[in-house]
Amino acid sequence: MNDLAIDVDHLSYSYNAIPALCDISFSVQVGDFVGLIGPNGGGKTTLIKILLGLLKPDSGTVRVFGQTPGSRTAGFLGYVPQRVATETQFFPASVEEIVRSGRTQRVRIWNRWGSKDQLAVDDALSITGIADIKNKLISELSGGQRQRVFIARALAGEPKLLILDEPTVGVDLVAREAFAEFLGALNEKGITIILVSHDIDAIAKQVKHVLCLNGSLVCHLCSNDFTPETYHEKIYGKGARHVHHEKQ
């Protein structure tokens, strides 16, 4: 049995001959919780798009649960894009309606909505702690609650791998801390998680492994061995200053 959720081997990708990723190699074990960090333009979004099958590598290989990213792996992945919780806050739909839309791909396969689909939606609502607000409109929720709605939407598809792109942007400190605890509990249920963030101090405390990109692979190591001061210049360049935010 393959125990790798992701296996990337000598991956390179360029936009109009401008390199975005150069000879990247790393692997992610099933059940891992990985923090993906790096500067703007460092290749994080490009890597995510390749994992989702939206871009094809120029060279190298990528495997998601042993498969080349694309239609065959779509059912394995749950993806929550950056700012989705803020940009859809006035969307005229209820919590349950949004979560139900996470079953679209699986329902399309069978051409009908069945009891298994409703059970998956109910489980996603329960796991994310929003079953009691399932009839509310998304516009009635706090930023932290909206976060959970879109994660529930991803979970409704029963993914093996959950990719979250800057999910706490625009959310206050209390909500971020509660969200971190929630993701840890979710990971304990066996879901592999990749969390993209710019907050290198916070992410190192939340995750099991840290993956740093800046065009090439800066580091990929256990979070206990990651010290922001050591890698800050390699990630953000000379002249950048590391500021540690203490909890008030």
C-alpha atoms as a PDB file:
ATOM      1  CA  MET A   1       0.000   0.000   0.000  1.00  0.00           C
ATOM      2  CA  ASN A   2       1.324   3.448  -0.951  1.00  0.00           C
ATOM      3  CA  ASP A   3       1.799   5.517   2.213  1.00  0.00           C
ATOM      4  CA  LEU A   4       2.522   8.721   0.304  1.00  0.00           C
ATOM      5  CA  ALA A   5      -0.194  11.304  -0.191  1.00  0.00           C
ATOM      6  CA  ILE A   6       2.092  13.409  -2.415  1.00  0.00           C
ATOM      7  CA  ASP A   7       5.297  12.504  -4.211  1.00  0.00           C
ATOM      8  CA  VAL A   8       7.056  15.280  -6.154  1.00  0.00           C
ATOM      9  CA  ASP A   9      10.246  14.419  -8.046  1.00  0.00           C
ATOM     10  CA  HIS A  10      12.408  17.071  -9.781  1.00  0.00           C
ATOM     11  CA  LEU A  11       9.418  19.262 -10.614  1.00  0.00           C
ATOM     12  CA  SER A  12       9.971  22.414 -12.664  1.00  0.00           C
ATOM     13  CA  TYR A  13       7.454  24.868 -14.099  1.00  0.00           C
ATOM     14  CA  SER A  14       7.769  28.214 -15.916  1.00  0.00           C
ATOM     15  CA  TYR A  15       5.373  30.934 -17.058  1.00  0.00           C
ATOM     16  CA  ASN A  16       6.450  32.200 -20.501  1.00  0.00           C
ATOM     17  CA  ALA A  17      10.016  31.026 -19.865  1.00  0.00           C
ATOM     18  CA  ILE A  18      10.095  32.697 -16.434  1.00  0.00           C
ATOM     19  CA  PRO A  19      10.817  29.984 -13.813  1.00  0.00           C
ATOM     20  CA  ALA A  20       8.274  29.601 -11.028  1.00  0.00           C
ATOM     21  CA  LEU A  21       9.440  26.265  -9.617  1.00  0.00           C
ATOM     22  CA  CYS A  22      12.930  24.874 -10.181  1.00  0.00           C
ATOM     23  CA  ASP A  23      13.776  21.213  -9.590  1.00  0.00           C
ATOM     24  CA  ILE A  24      11.505  20.667  -6.565  1.00  0.00           C
ATOM     25  CA  SER A  25      11.505  17.263  -4.846  1.00  0.00           C
ATOM     26  CA  PHE A  26       9.615  16.306  -1.686  1.00  0.00           C
ATOM     27  CA  SER A  27       7.046  13.835  -0.381  1.00  0.00           C
ATOM     28  CA  VAL A  28       4.157  14.024   2.064  1.00  0.00           C
ATOM     29  CA  GLN A  29       3.080  11.016   4.094  1.00  0.00           C
ATOM     30  CA  VAL A  30      -0.569  10.040   4.438  1.00  0.00           C
ATOM     31  CA  GLY A  31      -1.913  11.649   7.607  1.00  0.00           C
ATOM     32  CA  ASP A  32       0.668  14.443   7.676  1.00  0.00           C
ATOM     33  CA  PHE A  33      -0.094  18.090   8.449  1.00  0.00           C
ATOM     34  CA  VAL A  34       2.169  20.315   6.348  1.00  0.00           C
ATOM     35  CA  GLY A  35       2.631  24.067   6.506  1.00  0.00           C
ATOM     36  CA  LEU A  36       3.517  25.539   3.097  1.00  0.00           C
ATOM     37  CA  ILE A  37       5.232  28.908   3.384  1.00  0.00           C
ATOM     38  CA  GLY A  38       7.142  31.307   1.157  1.00  0.00           C
ATOM     39  CA  PRO A  39       7.042  34.828  -0.281  1.00  0.00           C
ATOM     40  CA  ASN A  40       4.593  36.104  -2.887  1.00  0.00           C
ATOM     41  CA  GLY A  41       5.801  34.736  -6.207  1.00  0.00           C
ATOM     42  CA  GLY A  42       7.683  31.934  -4.464  1.00  0.00           C
ATOM     43  CA  GLY A  43       5.718  29.176  -6.201  1.00  0.00           C
ATOM     44  CA  LYS A  44       3.136  28.187  -3.584  1.00  0.00           C
ATOM     45  CA  THR A  45       0.103  28.830  -5.802  1.00  0.00           C
ATOM     46  CA  THR A  46       1.802  27.197  -8.780  1.00  0.00           C
ATOM     47  CA  LEU A  47       2.473  24.082  -6.719  1.00  0.00           C
ATOM     48  CA  ILE A  48      -1.146  23.949  -5.553  1.00  0.00           C
ATOM     49  CA  LYS A  49      -2.427  24.266  -9.124  1.00  0.00           C
ATOM     50  CA  ILE A  50      -0.159  21.402 -10.202  1.00  0.00           C
ATOM     51  CA  LEU A  51      -1.372  19.229  -7.320  1.00  0.00           C
ATOM     52  CA  LEU A  52      -4.971  20.002  -8.333  1.00  0.00           C
ATOM     53  CA  GLY A  53      -4.213  19.059 -11.955  1.00  0.00           C
ATOM     54  CA  LEU A  54      -4.811  22.595 -13.243  1.00  0.00           C
ATOM     55  CA  LEU A  55      -1.231  22.936 -14.532  1.00  0.00           C
ATOM     56  CA  LYS A  56       1.095  20.355 -16.073  1.00  0.00           C
ATOM     57  CA  PRO A  57       4.777  20.306 -15.043  1.00  0.00           C
ATOM     58  CA  ASP A  58       7.390  21.308 -17.603  1.00  0.00           C
ATOM     59  CA  SER A  59       9.562  18.508 -16.245  1.00  0.00           C
ATOM     60  CA  GLY A  60       9.618  16.054 -13.390  1.00  0.00           C
ATOM     61  CA  THR A  61       6.781  13.976 -11.981  1.00  0.00           C
ATOM     62  CA  VAL A  62       3.988  14.545  -9.474  1.00  0.00           C
ATOM     63  CA  ARG A  63       1.850  11.831  -7.884  1.00  0.00           C
ATOM     64  CA  VAL A  64      -1.151  12.314  -5.627  1.00  0.00           C
ATOM     65  CA  PHE A  65      -1.998   9.035  -3.891  1.00  0.00           C
ATOM     66  CA  GLY A  66      -0.036   7.300  -6.622  1.00  0.00           C
ATOM     67  CA  GLN A  67      -1.882   8.989  -9.506  1.00  0.00           C
ATOM     68  CA  THR A  68      -0.971  11.803 -11.880  1.00  0.00           C
ATOM     69  CA  PRO A  69      -3.024  14.875 -10.852  1.00  0.00           C
ATOM     70  CA  GLY A  70      -6.206  15.242 -12.897  1.00  0.00           C
ATOM     71  CA  SER A  71      -9.676  13.778 -13.107  1.00  0.00           C
ATOM     72  CA  ARG A  72      -8.649  10.561 -11.362  1.00  0.00           C
ATOM     73  CA  THR A  73      -7.365  12.412  -8.296  1.00  0.00           C
ATOM     74  CA  ALA A  74     -10.108  15.056  -8.106  1.00  0.00           C
ATOM     75  CA  GLY A  75     -12.151  12.907  -5.734  1.00  0.00           C
ATOM     76  CA  PHE A  76      -9.193  12.606  -3.370  1.00  0.00           C
ATOM     77  CA  LEU A  77      -8.773  16.355  -2.920  1.00  0.00           C
ATOM     78  CA  GLY A  78     -10.605  19.037  -1.002  1.00  0.00           C
ATOM     79  CA  TYR A  79      -9.531  22.598  -1.762  1.00  0.00           C
ATOM     80  CA  VAL A  80     -10.447  25.846  -0.010  1.00  0.00           C
ATOM     81  CA  PRO A  81      -9.157  28.834  -2.040  1.00  0.00           C
ATOM     82  CA  GLN A  82      -7.755  32.021  -0.555  1.00  0.00           C
ATOM     83  CA  ARG A  83     -10.342  34.590   0.579  1.00  0.00           C
ATOM     84  CA  VAL A  84     -13.311  32.414  -0.369  1.00  0.00           C
ATOM     85  CA  ALA A  85     -14.875  33.054   3.049  1.00  0.00           C
ATOM     86  CA  THR A  86     -14.712  36.838   2.634  1.00  0.00           C
ATOM     87  CA  GLU A  87     -15.516  37.149  -1.055  1.00  0.00           C
ATOM     88  CA  THR A  88     -18.697  35.044  -0.787  1.00  0.00           C
ATOM     89  CA  GLN A  89     -20.062  36.547   2.426  1.00  0.00           C
ATOM     90  CA  PHE A  90     -23.086  38.067   0.664  1.00  0.00           C
ATOM     91  CA  PHE A  91     -23.854  35.034  -1.488  1.00  0.00           C
ATOM     92  CA  PRO A  92     -27.608  34.309  -1.175  1.00  0.00           C
ATOM     93  CA  ALA A  93     -27.372  30.702  -0.005  1.00  0.00           C
ATOM     94  CA  SER A  94     -27.731  28.826   3.258  1.00  0.00           C
ATOM     95  CA  VAL A  95     -24.929  27.000   5.028  1.00  0.00           C
ATOM     96  CA  GLU A  96     -26.338  23.596   4.098  1.00  0.00           C
ATOM     97  CA  GLU A  97     -26.797  24.582   0.450  1.00  0.00           C
ATOM     98  CA  ILE A  98     -23.149  25.583   0.206  1.00  0.00           C
ATOM     99  CA  VAL A  99     -21.964  22.416   1.924  1.00  0.00           C
ATOM    100  CA  ARG A 100     -24.189  20.287  -0.325  1.00  0.00           C
ATOM    101  CA  SER A 101     -22.454  21.777  -3.359  1.00  0.00           C
ATOM    102  CA  GLY A 102     -19.317  19.949  -2.224  1.00  0.00           C
ATOM    103  CA  ARG A 103     -20.962  16.703  -3.359  1.00  0.00           C
ATOM    104  CA  THR A 104     -21.449  17.916  -6.941  1.00  0.00           C
ATOM    105  CA  GLN A 105     -18.690  15.839  -8.482  1.00  0.00           C
ATOM    106  CA  ARG A 106     -19.692  12.614  -6.747  1.00  0.00           C
ATOM    107  CA  VAL A 107     -23.376  13.144  -7.507  1.00  0.00           C
ATOM    108  CA  ARG A 108     -22.513  13.732 -11.162  1.00  0.00           C
ATOM    109  CA  ILE A 109     -20.957  10.258 -11.311  1.00  0.00           C
ATOM    110  CA  TRP A 110     -24.171   8.596 -10.173  1.00  0.00           C
ATOM    111  CA  ASN A 111     -26.575  11.182 -11.678  1.00  0.00           C
ATOM    112  CA  ARG A 112     -28.654  11.308  -8.538  1.00  0.00           C
ATOM    113  CA  TRP A 113     -28.656  12.522  -4.948  1.00  0.00           C
ATOM    114  CA  GLY A 114     -28.840   9.638  -2.496  1.00  0.00           C
ATOM    115  CA  SER A 115     -28.836   8.935   1.219  1.00  0.00           C
ATOM    116  CA  LYS A 116     -25.037   8.525   1.156  1.00  0.00           C
ATOM    117  CA  ASP A 117     -24.691  12.066  -0.157  1.00  0.00           C
ATOM    118  CA  GLN A 118     -26.903  13.509   2.564  1.00  0.00           C
ATOM    119  CA  LEU A 119     -24.981  11.524   5.191  1.00  0.00           C
ATOM    120  CA  ALA A 120     -21.689  12.978   3.902  1.00  0.00           C
ATOM    121  CA  VAL A 121     -23.142  16.493   4.154  1.00  0.00           C
ATOM    122  CA  ASP A 122     -24.475  15.848   7.665  1.00  0.00           C
ATOM    123  CA  ASP A 123     -21.099  14.453   8.745  1.00  0.00           C
ATOM    124  CA  ALA A 124     -19.265  17.473   7.310  1.00  0.00           C
ATOM    125  CA  LEU A 125     -21.604  19.842   9.157  1.00  0.00           C
ATOM    126  CA  SER A 126     -21.084  17.891  12.376  1.00  0.00           C
ATOM    127  CA  ILE A 127     -17.289  17.613  12.084  1.00  0.00           C
ATOM    128  CA  THR A 128     -16.916  21.351  11.526  1.00  0.00           C
ATOM    129  CA  GLY A 129     -19.332  22.202  14.346  1.00  0.00           C
ATOM    130  CA  ILE A 130     -21.853  24.102  12.222  1.00  0.00           C
ATOM    131  CA  ALA A 131     -24.821  21.706  12.151  1.00  0.00           C
ATOM    132  CA  ASP A 132     -26.784  24.061  14.413  1.00  0.00           C
ATOM    133  CA  ILE A 133     -26.508  26.929  11.917  1.00  0.00           C
ATOM    134  CA  LYS A 134     -27.107  24.942   8.719  1.00  0.00           C
ATOM    135  CA  ASN A 135     -30.244  26.937   7.850  1.00  0.00           C
ATOM    136  CA  LYS A 136     -28.620  30.343   8.236  1.00  0.00           C
ATOM    137  CA  LEU A 137     -27.541  32.421   5.264  1.00  0.00           C
ATOM    138  CA  ILE A 138     -23.798  32.753   4.740  1.00  0.00           C
ATOM    139  CA  SER A 139     -24.233  36.539   5.113  1.00  0.00           C
ATOM    140  CA  GLU A 140     -25.399  36.057   8.700  1.00  0.00           C
ATOM    141  CA  LEU A 141     -22.188  34.368   9.843  1.00  0.00           C
ATOM    142  CA  SER A 142     -18.932  35.563  11.359  1.00  0.00           C
ATOM    143  CA  GLY A 143     -15.656  35.201   9.478  1.00  0.00           C
ATOM    144  CA  GLY A 144     -14.682  32.169  11.557  1.00  0.00           C
ATOM    145  CA  GLN A 145     -18.014  30.484  10.892  1.00  0.00           C
ATOM    146  CA  ARG A 146     -17.728  31.112   7.147  1.00  0.00           C
ATOM    147  CA  GLN A 147     -14.302  29.477   7.226  1.00  0.00           C
ATOM    148  CA  ARG A 148     -15.853  26.342   8.627  1.00  0.00           C
ATOM    149  CA  VAL A 149     -18.638  26.362   6.049  1.00  0.00           C
ATOM    150  CA  PHE A 150     -16.190  26.173   3.151  1.00  0.00           C
ATOM    151  CA  ILE A 151     -14.083  23.555   4.877  1.00  0.00           C
ATOM    152  CA  ALA A 152     -17.291  21.588   5.438  1.00  0.00           C
ATOM    153  CA  ARG A 153     -18.009  22.004   1.733  1.00  0.00           C
ATOM    154  CA  ALA A 154     -14.615  20.481   0.946  1.00  0.00           C
ATOM    155  CA  LEU A 155     -15.128  17.682   3.485  1.00  0.00           C
ATOM    156  CA  ALA A 156     -18.519  16.812   2.000  1.00  0.00           C
ATOM    157  CA  GLY A 157     -16.626  15.425  -0.991  1.00  0.00           C
ATOM    158  CA  GLU A 158     -14.895  12.970   1.398  1.00  0.00           C
ATOM    159  CA  PRO A 159     -11.326  13.991   0.467  1.00  0.00           C
ATOM    160  CA  LYS A 160      -8.161  12.222   1.579  1.00  0.00           C
ATOM    161  CA  LEU A 161      -6.180  15.447   1.218  1.00  0.00           C
ATOM    162  CA  LEU A 162      -7.342  18.917   2.253  1.00  0.00           C
ATOM    163  CA  ILE A 163      -5.526  21.976   0.846  1.00  0.00           C
ATOM    164  CA  LEU A 164      -6.216  25.308   2.552  1.00  0.00           C
ATOM    165  CA  ASP A 165      -4.844  28.494   0.974  1.00  0.00           C
ATOM    166  CA  GLU A 166      -4.424  31.292   3.551  1.00  0.00           C
ATOM    167  CA  PRO A 167      -7.683  30.372   5.319  1.00  0.00           C
ATOM    168  CA  THR A 168      -7.295  32.869   8.192  1.00  0.00           C
ATOM    169  CA  VAL A 169      -6.856  36.047   6.129  1.00  0.00           C
ATOM    170  CA  GLY A 170      -9.140  38.722   7.580  1.00  0.00           C
ATOM    171  CA  VAL A 171      -9.997  36.692  10.683  1.00  0.00           C
ATOM    172  CA  ASP A 172      -9.276  37.944  14.205  1.00  0.00           C
ATOM    173  CA  LEU A 173      -6.768  36.367  16.609  1.00  0.00           C
ATOM    174  CA  VAL A 174      -9.334  34.509  18.713  1.00  0.00           C
ATOM    175  CA  ALA A 175     -10.915  32.950  15.627  1.00  0.00           C
ATOM    176  CA  ARG A 176      -7.458  32.016  14.267  1.00  0.00           C
ATOM    177  CA  GLU A 177      -6.541  30.198  17.462  1.00  0.00           C
ATOM    178  CA  ALA A 178      -9.838  28.309  17.521  1.00  0.00           C
ATOM    179  CA  PHE A 179      -9.331  27.471  13.854  1.00  0.00           C
ATOM    180  CA  ALA A 180      -5.855  26.079  14.565  1.00  0.00           C
ATOM    181  CA  GLU A 181      -7.292  23.751  17.207  1.00  0.00           C
ATOM    182  CA  PHE A 182     -10.017  22.682  14.798  1.00  0.00           C
ATOM    183  CA  LEU A 183      -7.506  21.797  12.063  1.00  0.00           C
ATOM    184  CA  GLY A 184      -5.435  19.797  14.524  1.00  0.00           C
ATOM    185  CA  ALA A 185      -8.502  17.777  15.492  1.00  0.00           C
ATOM    186  CA  LEU A 186      -9.370  17.281  11.829  1.00  0.00           C
ATOM    187  CA  ASN A 187      -5.873  15.984  11.120  1.00  0.00           C
ATOM    188  CA  GLU A 188      -6.198  13.561  14.034  1.00  0.00           C
ATOM    189  CA  LYS A 189      -9.167  12.023  12.206  1.00  0.00           C
ATOM    190  CA  GLY A 190      -6.740  10.943   9.469  1.00  0.00           C
ATOM    191  CA  ILE A 191      -7.116  13.683   6.867  1.00  0.00           C
ATOM    192  CA  THR A 192      -3.846  14.842   5.313  1.00  0.00           C
ATOM    193  CA  ILE A 193      -3.678  18.652   5.379  1.00  0.00           C
ATOM    194  CA  ILE A 194      -1.608  21.226   3.519  1.00  0.00           C
ATOM    195  CA  LEU A 195      -1.976  24.667   5.057  1.00  0.00           C
ATOM    196  CA  VAL A 196      -0.630  27.651   3.083  1.00  0.00           C
ATOM    197  CA  SER A 197       0.249  30.656   5.218  1.00  0.00           C
ATOM    198  CA  HIS A 198       2.476  33.733   5.453  1.00  0.00           C
ATOM    199  CA  ASP A 199       2.514  33.596   9.266  1.00  0.00           C
ATOM    200  CA  ILE A 200       5.662  31.531   9.771  1.00  0.00           C
ATOM    201  CA  ASP A 201       5.596  31.752  13.570  1.00  0.00           C
ATOM    202  CA  ALA A 202       2.014  30.523  13.891  1.00  0.00           C
ATOM    203  CA  ILE A 203       2.264  27.854  11.240  1.00  0.00           C
ATOM    204  CA  ALA A 204       5.342  26.267  12.796  1.00  0.00           C
ATOM    205  CA  LYS A 205       3.357  25.730  15.994  1.00  0.00           C
ATOM    206  CA  GLN A 206       0.330  24.230  14.248  1.00  0.00           C
ATOM    207  CA  VAL A 207       1.756  21.729  11.780  1.00  0.00           C
ATOM    208  CA  LYS A 208       3.850  18.555  11.830  1.00  0.00           C
ATOM    209  CA  HIS A 209       6.152  19.506   8.942  1.00  0.00           C
ATOM    210  CA  VAL A 210       7.140  22.794   7.305  1.00  0.00           C
ATOM    211  CA  LEU A 211       7.701  23.091   3.547  1.00  0.00           C
ATOM    212  CA  CYS A 212       9.361  26.338   2.408  1.00  0.00           C
ATOM    213  CA  LEU A 213       9.407  27.467  -1.220  1.00  0.00           C
ATOM    214  CA  ASN A 214      11.109  30.399  -2.874  1.00  0.00           C
ATOM    215  CA  GLY A 215      11.309  29.296  -6.500  1.00  0.00           C
ATOM    216  CA  SER A 216      13.247  26.276  -5.308  1.00  0.00           C
ATOM    217  CA  LEU A 217      12.892  24.159  -2.190  1.00  0.00           C
ATOM    218  CA  VAL A 218      14.303  26.073   0.788  1.00  0.00           C
ATOM    219  CA  CYS A 219      13.564  23.383   3.365  1.00  0.00           C
ATOM    220  CA  HIS A 220      11.215  20.531   4.223  1.00  0.00           C
ATOM    221  CA  LEU A 221      11.553  19.390   7.804  1.00  0.00           C
ATOM    222  CA  CYS A 222       9.803  18.560  11.054  1.00  0.00           C
ATOM    223  CA  SER A 223       8.206  21.638  12.609  1.00  0.00           C
ATOM    224  CA  ASN A 224      10.140  20.992  15.824  1.00  0.00           C
ATOM    225  CA  ASP A 225      13.369  21.507  13.857  1.00  0.00           C
ATOM    226  CA  PHE A 226      12.175  24.637  12.068  1.00  0.00           C
ATOM    227  CA  THR A 227      13.356  27.980  13.404  1.00  0.00           C
ATOM    228  CA  PRO A 228      12.056  31.016  11.469  1.00  0.00           C
ATOM    229  CA  GLU A 229      15.223  33.011  12.164  1.00  0.00           C
ATOM    230  CA  THR A 230      17.373  30.378  10.450  1.00  0.00           C
ATOM    231  CA  TYR A 231      15.430  30.327   7.189  1.00  0.00           C
ATOM    232  CA  HIS A 232      13.982  33.835   7.067  1.00  0.00           C
ATOM    233  CA  GLU A 233      16.600  35.325   4.732  1.00  0.00           C
ATOM    234  CA  LYS A 234      16.442  32.336   2.366  1.00  0.00           C
ATOM    235  CA  ILE A 235      12.668  32.620   2.220  1.00  0.00           C
ATOM    236  CA  TYR A 236      12.196  36.381   2.028  1.00  0.00           C
ATOM    237  CA  GLY A 237      15.629  37.642   0.941  1.00  0.00           C
ATOM    238  CA  LYS A 238      18.255  39.931   2.406  1.00  0.00           C
ATOM    239  CA  GLY A 239      17.005  42.981   4.233  1.00  0.00           C
ATOM    240  CA  ALA A 240      13.789  41.294   5.359  1.00  0.00           C
ATOM    241  CA  ARG A 241      13.285  41.425   9.115  1.00  0.00           C
ATOM    242  CA  HIS A 242      11.659  38.689  11.172  1.00  0.00           C
ATOM    243  CA  VAL A 243       9.149  40.075  13.673  1.00  0.00           C
ATOM    244  CA  HIS A 244       7.762  37.674  16.234  1.00  0.00           C
ATOM    245  CA  HIS A 245       4.216  38.442  17.329  1.00  0.00           C
ATOM    246  CA  GLU A 246       3.608  37.673  20.981  1.00  0.00           C
ATOM    247  CA  LYS A 247       0.094  37.019  22.167  1.00  0.00           C
ATOM    248  CA  GLN A 248      -1.250  39.996  24.092  1.00  0.00           C
END
